[in-house]
Amino acid sequence: MKLDLLAIGVHPDDVELSCSGTLINEIKRGKKGGIIDLTQGELGTRGTIETRYAEAAKAAEIMGVEVRVNLKMRDGFFRNDEEHQLKLIQAIRTYQPEVVLANALDDRHPDHGRAGQLIATSCFLAGLAKIETKDESGKPQPRWRPKYVLHYLQDWYHEPDLLVDITDVFDQRMEAILAYRTQFFNDVDGHEGPQTYISSPDFLDSVTGRARMMGKRIGVKYAEGFVSEKKIGISSLDALLQVET
């Protein structure tokens, strides 16, 4: 399945928290979007592997993605090495995305930065013809390199190179985040396990606050930010937001 946009997150809910607005935006414009979760989030304090899968499926339905797969790398212990690169290269070549949305290159959670580096490396290597991979039927895969790898912002602040207006889809974005009922605060199900960094009401407030701060930078209500190691080019000035700031 050829995708226009592929969002990759090391943990289920990384995509929802950081770039789901952009993903929803593009899907509403007729683009095909998908998600790859690198791990099952099995080291998370709250919830189980089973609940994480159910929550991820619900969030995917809310966002309208074409496909969501889990590569089942070891949460906390995966590496940016040949074994893991080849596994991700195979997936990148399967979906042939034009743009990849990826974990931050440096963040509070060490998995985030390590995943960001793994994704960036794998996207480059996927474009080398002499690296051989096979699809699920055993056929050799052609080389494929995404045109852009955009790293979304997570816990730590990084100055973004690109800001995307997500105002029109913000409520849908929050609905996708709240699909992870075991992970984040909710006043319906009650106690879901020990309190964690992300399970307090204040954490969800910070998610909204970050989006509002990013939006203010470009004169809209809500936005998501991305860092790109490659210079971003546009073909027309019509792509610019015509908002006075």
C-alpha atoms as a PDB file:
ATOM      1  CA  MET A   1       0.000   0.000   0.000  1.00  0.00           C
ATOM      2  CA  LYS A   2       1.481   3.325  -1.099  1.00  0.00           C
ATOM      3  CA  LEU A   3       1.092   6.045   1.535  1.00  0.00           C
ATOM      4  CA  ASP A   4       1.553   9.796   1.230  1.00  0.00           C
ATOM      5  CA  LEU A   5       2.358  10.260   4.896  1.00  0.00           C
ATOM      6  CA  LEU A   6       3.744   7.798   7.442  1.00  0.00           C
ATOM      7  CA  ALA A   7       3.881   8.721  11.129  1.00  0.00           C
ATOM      8  CA  ILE A   8       6.290   6.614  13.187  1.00  0.00           C
ATOM      9  CA  GLY A   9       6.352   6.544  16.982  1.00  0.00           C
ATOM     10  CA  VAL A  10       8.379   4.421  19.346  1.00  0.00           C
ATOM     11  CA  HIS A  11       5.433   4.037  21.734  1.00  0.00           C
ATOM     12  CA  PRO A  12       1.712   3.791  21.002  1.00  0.00           C
ATOM     13  CA  ASP A  13       0.393   7.349  21.699  1.00  0.00           C
ATOM     14  CA  ASP A  14       3.583   9.186  20.599  1.00  0.00           C
ATOM     15  CA  VAL A  15       1.988   9.988  17.258  1.00  0.00           C
ATOM     16  CA  GLU A  16      -1.301  11.083  18.814  1.00  0.00           C
ATOM     17  CA  LEU A  17       0.392  13.401  21.303  1.00  0.00           C
ATOM     18  CA  SER A  18       2.761  15.053  18.868  1.00  0.00           C
ATOM     19  CA  CYS A  19       1.649  15.001  15.222  1.00  0.00           C
ATOM     20  CA  SER A  20      -1.899  13.634  14.978  1.00  0.00           C
ATOM     21  CA  GLY A  21      -3.282  17.038  14.018  1.00  0.00           C
ATOM     22  CA  THR A  22      -1.024  17.191  10.985  1.00  0.00           C
ATOM     23  CA  LEU A  23      -1.865  13.598  10.094  1.00  0.00           C
ATOM     24  CA  ILE A  24      -5.609  14.256  10.352  1.00  0.00           C
ATOM     25  CA  ASN A  25      -5.225  17.461   8.306  1.00  0.00           C
ATOM     26  CA  GLU A  26      -3.602  15.628   5.426  1.00  0.00           C
ATOM     27  CA  ILE A  27      -6.088  12.755   5.506  1.00  0.00           C
ATOM     28  CA  LYS A  28      -8.954  15.254   5.306  1.00  0.00           C
ATOM     29  CA  ARG A  29      -7.285  16.647   2.188  1.00  0.00           C
ATOM     30  CA  GLY A  30      -7.452  13.253   0.548  1.00  0.00           C
ATOM     31  CA  LYS A  31      -3.968  11.977   1.385  1.00  0.00           C
ATOM     32  CA  LYS A  32      -3.319   8.420   2.541  1.00  0.00           C
ATOM     33  CA  GLY A  33      -1.765   8.257   5.991  1.00  0.00           C
ATOM     34  CA  GLY A  34      -0.504   5.410   8.156  1.00  0.00           C
ATOM     35  CA  ILE A  35       1.186   4.768  11.485  1.00  0.00           C
ATOM     36  CA  ILE A  36       4.012   2.491  12.570  1.00  0.00           C
ATOM     37  CA  ASP A  37       4.506   1.882  16.292  1.00  0.00           C
ATOM     38  CA  LEU A  38       8.009   0.564  16.908  1.00  0.00           C
ATOM     39  CA  THR A  39       7.253  -1.048  20.286  1.00  0.00           C
ATOM     40  CA  GLN A  40       4.192  -2.275  22.141  1.00  0.00           C
ATOM     41  CA  GLY A  41       4.831   0.122  25.037  1.00  0.00           C
ATOM     42  CA  GLU A  42       5.153  -2.871  27.325  1.00  0.00           C
ATOM     43  CA  LEU A  43       7.247  -1.029  29.921  1.00  0.00           C
ATOM     44  CA  GLY A  44       4.539   1.552  30.535  1.00  0.00           C
ATOM     45  CA  THR A  45       3.446   1.721  34.173  1.00  0.00           C
ATOM     46  CA  ARG A  46      -0.272   1.803  33.367  1.00  0.00           C
ATOM     47  CA  GLY A  47      -2.243  -0.480  31.112  1.00  0.00           C
ATOM     48  CA  THR A  48      -1.180  -3.690  29.384  1.00  0.00           C
ATOM     49  CA  ILE A  49      -0.032  -4.718  25.925  1.00  0.00           C
ATOM     50  CA  GLU A  50      -3.620  -5.725  25.190  1.00  0.00           C
ATOM     51  CA  THR A  51      -5.122  -2.411  26.288  1.00  0.00           C
ATOM     52  CA  ARG A  52      -2.469  -0.491  24.348  1.00  0.00           C
ATOM     53  CA  TYR A  53      -3.402  -2.348  21.157  1.00  0.00           C
ATOM     54  CA  ALA A  54      -7.094  -1.672  21.709  1.00  0.00           C
ATOM     55  CA  GLU A  55      -6.461   2.000  22.433  1.00  0.00           C
ATOM     56  CA  ALA A  56      -4.157   2.350  19.415  1.00  0.00           C
ATOM     57  CA  ALA A  57      -6.803   0.813  17.164  1.00  0.00           C
ATOM     58  CA  LYS A  58      -9.453   3.201  18.502  1.00  0.00           C
ATOM     59  CA  ALA A  59      -7.173   6.201  17.984  1.00  0.00           C
ATOM     60  CA  ALA A  60      -6.360   5.050  14.441  1.00  0.00           C
ATOM     61  CA  GLU A  61     -10.082   4.875  13.683  1.00  0.00           C
ATOM     62  CA  ILE A  62     -10.579   8.401  14.994  1.00  0.00           C
ATOM     63  CA  MET A  63      -7.711   9.730  12.868  1.00  0.00           C
ATOM     64  CA  GLY A  64      -8.811   7.872   9.755  1.00  0.00           C
ATOM     65  CA  VAL A  65      -5.483   6.244   8.912  1.00  0.00           C
ATOM     66  CA  GLU A  66      -5.271   3.551   6.240  1.00  0.00           C
ATOM     67  CA  VAL A  67      -3.035   1.219   8.236  1.00  0.00           C
ATOM     68  CA  ARG A  68      -1.410   0.896  11.664  1.00  0.00           C
ATOM     69  CA  VAL A  69       1.230  -1.752  12.354  1.00  0.00           C
ATOM     70  CA  ASN A  70       3.477  -2.561  15.292  1.00  0.00           C
ATOM     71  CA  LEU A  71       7.053  -3.757  14.670  1.00  0.00           C
ATOM     72  CA  LYS A  72       7.289  -5.226  18.194  1.00  0.00           C
ATOM     73  CA  MET A  73      10.769  -3.953  18.983  1.00  0.00           C
ATOM     74  CA  ARG A  74      11.696  -4.211  22.662  1.00  0.00           C
ATOM     75  CA  ASP A  75      10.452  -1.221  24.603  1.00  0.00           C
ATOM     76  CA  GLY A  76      13.430   0.422  26.291  1.00  0.00           C
ATOM     77  CA  PHE A  77      16.010  -1.928  24.779  1.00  0.00           C
ATOM     78  CA  PHE A  78      15.830  -1.525  20.974  1.00  0.00           C
ATOM     79  CA  ARG A  79      18.920  -0.113  19.290  1.00  0.00           C
ATOM     80  CA  ASN A  80      19.812   1.912  16.230  1.00  0.00           C
ATOM     81  CA  ASP A  81      21.687  -1.024  14.724  1.00  0.00           C
ATOM     82  CA  GLU A  82      21.583  -3.140  11.585  1.00  0.00           C
ATOM     83  CA  GLU A  83      18.939  -5.547  12.853  1.00  0.00           C
ATOM     84  CA  HIS A  84      16.465  -2.819  13.744  1.00  0.00           C
ATOM     85  CA  GLN A  85      17.321  -0.675  10.718  1.00  0.00           C
ATOM     86  CA  LEU A  86      16.580  -3.538   8.324  1.00  0.00           C
ATOM     87  CA  LYS A  87      13.233  -4.177  10.006  1.00  0.00           C
ATOM     88  CA  LEU A  88      12.242  -0.540   9.608  1.00  0.00           C
ATOM     89  CA  ILE A  89      13.674  -0.279   6.079  1.00  0.00           C
ATOM     90  CA  GLN A  90      11.439  -3.177   5.058  1.00  0.00           C
ATOM     91  CA  ALA A  91       8.392  -1.302   6.412  1.00  0.00           C
ATOM     92  CA  ILE A  92       9.394   1.995   4.761  1.00  0.00           C
ATOM     93  CA  ARG A  93       9.795   0.251   1.409  1.00  0.00           C
ATOM     94  CA  THR A  94       6.437  -1.455   1.880  1.00  0.00           C
ATOM     95  CA  TYR A  95       4.523   1.811   2.318  1.00  0.00           C
ATOM     96  CA  GLN A  96       6.736   4.142   0.226  1.00  0.00           C
ATOM     97  CA  PRO A  97       5.760   7.352   2.044  1.00  0.00           C
ATOM     98  CA  GLU A  98       6.595  10.734   0.580  1.00  0.00           C
ATOM     99  CA  VAL A  99       6.900  12.236   4.081  1.00  0.00           C
ATOM    100  CA  VAL A 100       7.753  10.569   7.384  1.00  0.00           C
ATOM    101  CA  LEU A 101       6.840  12.094  10.742  1.00  0.00           C
ATOM    102  CA  ALA A 102       9.301  10.846  13.360  1.00  0.00           C
ATOM    103  CA  ASN A 103      10.174  10.960  17.038  1.00  0.00           C
ATOM    104  CA  ALA A 104      12.251  13.847  18.353  1.00  0.00           C
ATOM    105  CA  LEU A 105      16.015  13.538  17.959  1.00  0.00           C
ATOM    106  CA  ASP A 106      16.592  14.378  21.639  1.00  0.00           C
ATOM    107  CA  ASP A 107      14.071  14.249  24.472  1.00  0.00           C
ATOM    108  CA  ARG A 108      13.355  13.492  28.134  1.00  0.00           C
ATOM    109  CA  HIS A 109      12.591   9.830  27.396  1.00  0.00           C
ATOM    110  CA  PRO A 110      15.721   8.151  25.987  1.00  0.00           C
ATOM    111  CA  ASP A 111      13.583   5.959  23.722  1.00  0.00           C
ATOM    112  CA  HIS A 112      12.378   9.058  21.870  1.00  0.00           C
ATOM    113  CA  GLY A 113      15.799  10.315  20.816  1.00  0.00           C
ATOM    114  CA  ARG A 114      17.063   6.822  19.996  1.00  0.00           C
ATOM    115  CA  ALA A 115      13.952   6.186  17.883  1.00  0.00           C
ATOM    116  CA  GLY A 116      14.328   9.531  16.143  1.00  0.00           C
ATOM    117  CA  GLN A 117      17.861   8.610  15.128  1.00  0.00           C
ATOM    118  CA  LEU A 118      16.798   5.093  14.098  1.00  0.00           C
ATOM    119  CA  ILE A 119      14.027   6.465  11.886  1.00  0.00           C
ATOM    120  CA  ALA A 120      16.251   9.092  10.261  1.00  0.00           C
ATOM    121  CA  THR A 121      18.995   6.548   9.577  1.00  0.00           C
ATOM    122  CA  SER A 122      16.573   3.951   8.222  1.00  0.00           C
ATOM    123  CA  CYS A 123      14.858   6.444   5.918  1.00  0.00           C
ATOM    124  CA  PHE A 124      18.224   7.265   4.357  1.00  0.00           C
ATOM    125  CA  LEU A 125      19.377   3.661   4.087  1.00  0.00           C
ATOM    126  CA  ALA A 126      16.043   2.625   2.544  1.00  0.00           C
ATOM    127  CA  GLY A 127      17.119   4.624  -0.506  1.00  0.00           C
ATOM    128  CA  LEU A 128      20.261   2.548  -1.094  1.00  0.00           C
ATOM    129  CA  ALA A 129      19.686  -0.074  -3.793  1.00  0.00           C
ATOM    130  CA  LYS A 130      22.422  -2.388  -2.522  1.00  0.00           C
ATOM    131  CA  ILE A 131      20.659  -2.885   0.810  1.00  0.00           C
ATOM    132  CA  GLU A 132      18.418  -5.838   0.071  1.00  0.00           C
ATOM    133  CA  THR A 133      15.086  -6.493   1.766  1.00  0.00           C
ATOM    134  CA  LYS A 134      12.097  -8.640   0.847  1.00  0.00           C
ATOM    135  CA  ASP A 135       8.390  -8.109   1.215  1.00  0.00           C
ATOM    136  CA  GLU A 136       6.081 -10.488   3.070  1.00  0.00           C
ATOM    137  CA  SER A 137       5.765 -12.727   0.007  1.00  0.00           C
ATOM    138  CA  GLY A 138       9.545 -13.007  -0.344  1.00  0.00           C
ATOM    139  CA  LYS A 139       9.907 -10.682  -3.331  1.00  0.00           C
ATOM    140  CA  PRO A 140      12.833  -8.192  -3.421  1.00  0.00           C
ATOM    141  CA  GLN A 141      11.776  -4.658  -2.546  1.00  0.00           C
ATOM    142  CA  PRO A 142      12.789  -1.638  -4.620  1.00  0.00           C
ATOM    143  CA  ARG A 143      14.700   1.160  -2.922  1.00  0.00           C
ATOM    144  CA  TRP A 144      12.636   4.006  -1.484  1.00  0.00           C
ATOM    145  CA  ARG A 145      13.680   7.195   0.279  1.00  0.00           C
ATOM    146  CA  PRO A 146      11.068   9.575   1.740  1.00  0.00           C
ATOM    147  CA  LYS A 147      11.410  13.128   0.495  1.00  0.00           C
ATOM    148  CA  TYR A 148      11.255  14.570   4.020  1.00  0.00           C
ATOM    149  CA  VAL A 149      11.689  13.294   7.561  1.00  0.00           C
ATOM    150  CA  LEU A 150      10.050  15.732   9.964  1.00  0.00           C
ATOM    151  CA  HIS A 151      10.749  15.231  13.671  1.00  0.00           C
ATOM    152  CA  TYR A 152       7.834  16.226  15.871  1.00  0.00           C
ATOM    153  CA  LEU A 153       8.241  17.928  19.247  1.00  0.00           C
ATOM    154  CA  GLN A 154       7.698  15.836  22.363  1.00  0.00           C
ATOM    155  CA  ASP A 155       8.478  16.705  25.976  1.00  0.00           C
ATOM    156  CA  TRP A 156      11.494  18.969  25.542  1.00  0.00           C
ATOM    157  CA  TYR A 157      11.168  22.145  23.532  1.00  0.00           C
ATOM    158  CA  HIS A 158      13.113  22.471  20.289  1.00  0.00           C
ATOM    159  CA  GLU A 159      12.820  25.473  18.002  1.00  0.00           C
ATOM    160  CA  PRO A 160      10.653  24.242  15.119  1.00  0.00           C
ATOM    161  CA  ASP A 161      11.568  24.644  11.456  1.00  0.00           C
ATOM    162  CA  LEU A 162       7.954  24.161  10.399  1.00  0.00           C
ATOM    163  CA  LEU A 163       4.633  24.951  12.067  1.00  0.00           C
ATOM    164  CA  VAL A 164       1.376  23.407  10.846  1.00  0.00           C
ATOM    165  CA  ASP A 165      -2.026  24.947  11.573  1.00  0.00           C
ATOM    166  CA  ILE A 166      -4.204  22.267  13.216  1.00  0.00           C
ATOM    167  CA  THR A 167      -6.967  24.546  14.499  1.00  0.00           C
ATOM    168  CA  ASP A 168      -9.763  22.948  12.466  1.00  0.00           C
ATOM    169  CA  VAL A 169      -8.910  19.412  13.646  1.00  0.00           C
ATOM    170  CA  PHE A 170      -7.829  20.123  17.212  1.00  0.00           C
ATOM    171  CA  ASP A 171     -10.893  18.535  18.832  1.00  0.00           C
ATOM    172  CA  GLN A 172     -10.431  15.391  16.737  1.00  0.00           C
ATOM    173  CA  ARG A 173      -6.749  15.333  17.715  1.00  0.00           C
ATOM    174  CA  MET A 174      -7.658  15.464  21.420  1.00  0.00           C
ATOM    175  CA  GLU A 175     -10.234  12.719  20.927  1.00  0.00           C
ATOM    176  CA  ALA A 176      -7.486  10.506  19.472  1.00  0.00           C
ATOM    177  CA  ILE A 177      -5.228  11.246  22.453  1.00  0.00           C
ATOM    178  CA  LEU A 178      -7.982  10.476  24.933  1.00  0.00           C
ATOM    179  CA  ALA A 179      -8.539   7.091  23.285  1.00  0.00           C
ATOM    180  CA  TYR A 180      -5.622   6.013  25.520  1.00  0.00           C
ATOM    181  CA  ARG A 181      -7.835   5.796  28.585  1.00  0.00           C
ATOM    182  CA  THR A 182      -5.321   3.840  30.658  1.00  0.00           C
ATOM    183  CA  GLN A 183      -2.493   6.291  29.992  1.00  0.00           C
ATOM    184  CA  PHE A 184      -3.976   9.729  30.520  1.00  0.00           C
ATOM    185  CA  PHE A 185      -6.207  11.324  33.102  1.00  0.00           C
ATOM    186  CA  ASN A 186      -9.935  10.718  32.817  1.00  0.00           C
ATOM    187  CA  ASP A 187     -12.703  11.129  35.350  1.00  0.00           C
ATOM    188  CA  VAL A 188     -14.873   8.312  33.978  1.00  0.00           C
ATOM    189  CA  ASP A 189     -12.992   5.094  34.633  1.00  0.00           C
ATOM    190  CA  GLY A 190     -11.380   6.275  37.831  1.00  0.00           C
ATOM    191  CA  HIS A 191      -8.129   4.802  39.077  1.00  0.00           C
ATOM    192  CA  GLU A 192      -6.156   3.068  36.298  1.00  0.00           C
ATOM    193  CA  GLY A 193      -2.963   2.388  38.236  1.00  0.00           C
ATOM    194  CA  PRO A 194      -0.111   4.339  39.813  1.00  0.00           C
ATOM    195  CA  GLN A 195       0.158   8.019  39.027  1.00  0.00           C
ATOM    196  CA  THR A 196       2.681   8.715  36.264  1.00  0.00           C
ATOM    197  CA  TYR A 197       4.247  11.711  34.558  1.00  0.00           C
ATOM    198  CA  ILE A 198       1.551  11.682  31.868  1.00  0.00           C
ATOM    199  CA  SER A 199      -1.525  10.629  33.847  1.00  0.00           C
ATOM    200  CA  SER A 200      -2.257  13.913  35.626  1.00  0.00           C
ATOM    201  CA  PRO A 201      -4.693  16.564  34.368  1.00  0.00           C
ATOM    202  CA  ASP A 202      -1.743  18.951  34.221  1.00  0.00           C
ATOM    203  CA  PHE A 203      -0.099  16.879  31.505  1.00  0.00           C
ATOM    204  CA  LEU A 204      -3.107  17.178  29.203  1.00  0.00           C
ATOM    205  CA  ASP A 205      -3.194  20.902  29.975  1.00  0.00           C
ATOM    206  CA  SER A 206       0.414  21.099  28.812  1.00  0.00           C
ATOM    207  CA  VAL A 207      -0.483  19.332  25.551  1.00  0.00           C
ATOM    208  CA  THR A 208      -3.108  21.979  24.848  1.00  0.00           C
ATOM    209  CA  GLY A 209      -0.778  24.736  26.017  1.00  0.00           C
ATOM    210  CA  ARG A 210       1.992  23.614  23.653  1.00  0.00           C
ATOM    211  CA  ALA A 211      -0.413  23.624  20.704  1.00  0.00           C
ATOM    212  CA  ARG A 212      -1.675  27.089  21.618  1.00  0.00           C
ATOM    213  CA  MET A 213       1.858  28.423  21.996  1.00  0.00           C
ATOM    214  CA  MET A 214       2.814  27.041  18.582  1.00  0.00           C
ATOM    215  CA  GLY A 215      -0.357  28.461  17.088  1.00  0.00           C
ATOM    216  CA  LYS A 216       0.372  31.919  18.461  1.00  0.00           C
ATOM    217  CA  ARG A 217       3.692  31.903  16.639  1.00  0.00           C
ATOM    218  CA  ILE A 218       1.896  31.794  13.272  1.00  0.00           C
ATOM    219  CA  GLY A 219      -1.292  33.682  14.107  1.00  0.00           C
ATOM    220  CA  VAL A 220      -3.653  30.714  14.501  1.00  0.00           C
ATOM    221  CA  LYS A 221      -5.241  29.091  17.536  1.00  0.00           C
ATOM    222  CA  TYR A 222      -3.440  25.712  17.469  1.00  0.00           C
ATOM    223  CA  ALA A 223      -0.393  24.349  15.666  1.00  0.00           C
ATOM    224  CA  GLU A 224       2.132  21.497  15.718  1.00  0.00           C
ATOM    225  CA  GLY A 225       5.860  22.012  15.289  1.00  0.00           C
ATOM    226  CA  PHE A 226       8.481  19.981  13.445  1.00  0.00           C
ATOM    227  CA  VAL A 227      12.259  19.981  13.127  1.00  0.00           C
ATOM    228  CA  SER A 228      13.832  19.087   9.788  1.00  0.00           C
ATOM    229  CA  GLU A 229      17.486  18.250   9.169  1.00  0.00           C
ATOM    230  CA  LYS A 230      16.819  19.002   5.496  1.00  0.00           C
ATOM    231  CA  LYS A 231      15.936  22.480   4.244  1.00  0.00           C
ATOM    232  CA  ILE A 232      12.233  22.769   3.519  1.00  0.00           C
ATOM    233  CA  GLY A 233      11.248  23.997   0.057  1.00  0.00           C
ATOM    234  CA  ILE A 234       7.876  25.075  -1.294  1.00  0.00           C
ATOM    235  CA  SER A 235       6.796  25.355  -4.921  1.00  0.00           C
ATOM    236  CA  SER A 236       4.496  28.332  -4.439  1.00  0.00           C
ATOM    237  CA  LEU A 237       4.019  31.165  -1.963  1.00  0.00           C
ATOM    238  CA  ASP A 238       0.352  30.130  -1.868  1.00  0.00           C
ATOM    239  CA  ALA A 239       1.429  27.530   0.696  1.00  0.00           C
ATOM    240  CA  LEU A 240       2.198  30.307   3.176  1.00  0.00           C
ATOM    241  CA  LEU A 241      -0.421  31.172   5.785  1.00  0.00           C
ATOM    242  CA  GLN A 242      -1.762  34.613   4.920  1.00  0.00           C
ATOM    243  CA  VAL A 243      -2.167  35.742   8.535  1.00  0.00           C
ATOM    244  CA  GLU A 244      -0.885  39.020   9.927  1.00  0.00           C
ATOM    245  CA  THR A 245       1.165  38.540  13.114  1.00  0.00           C
END
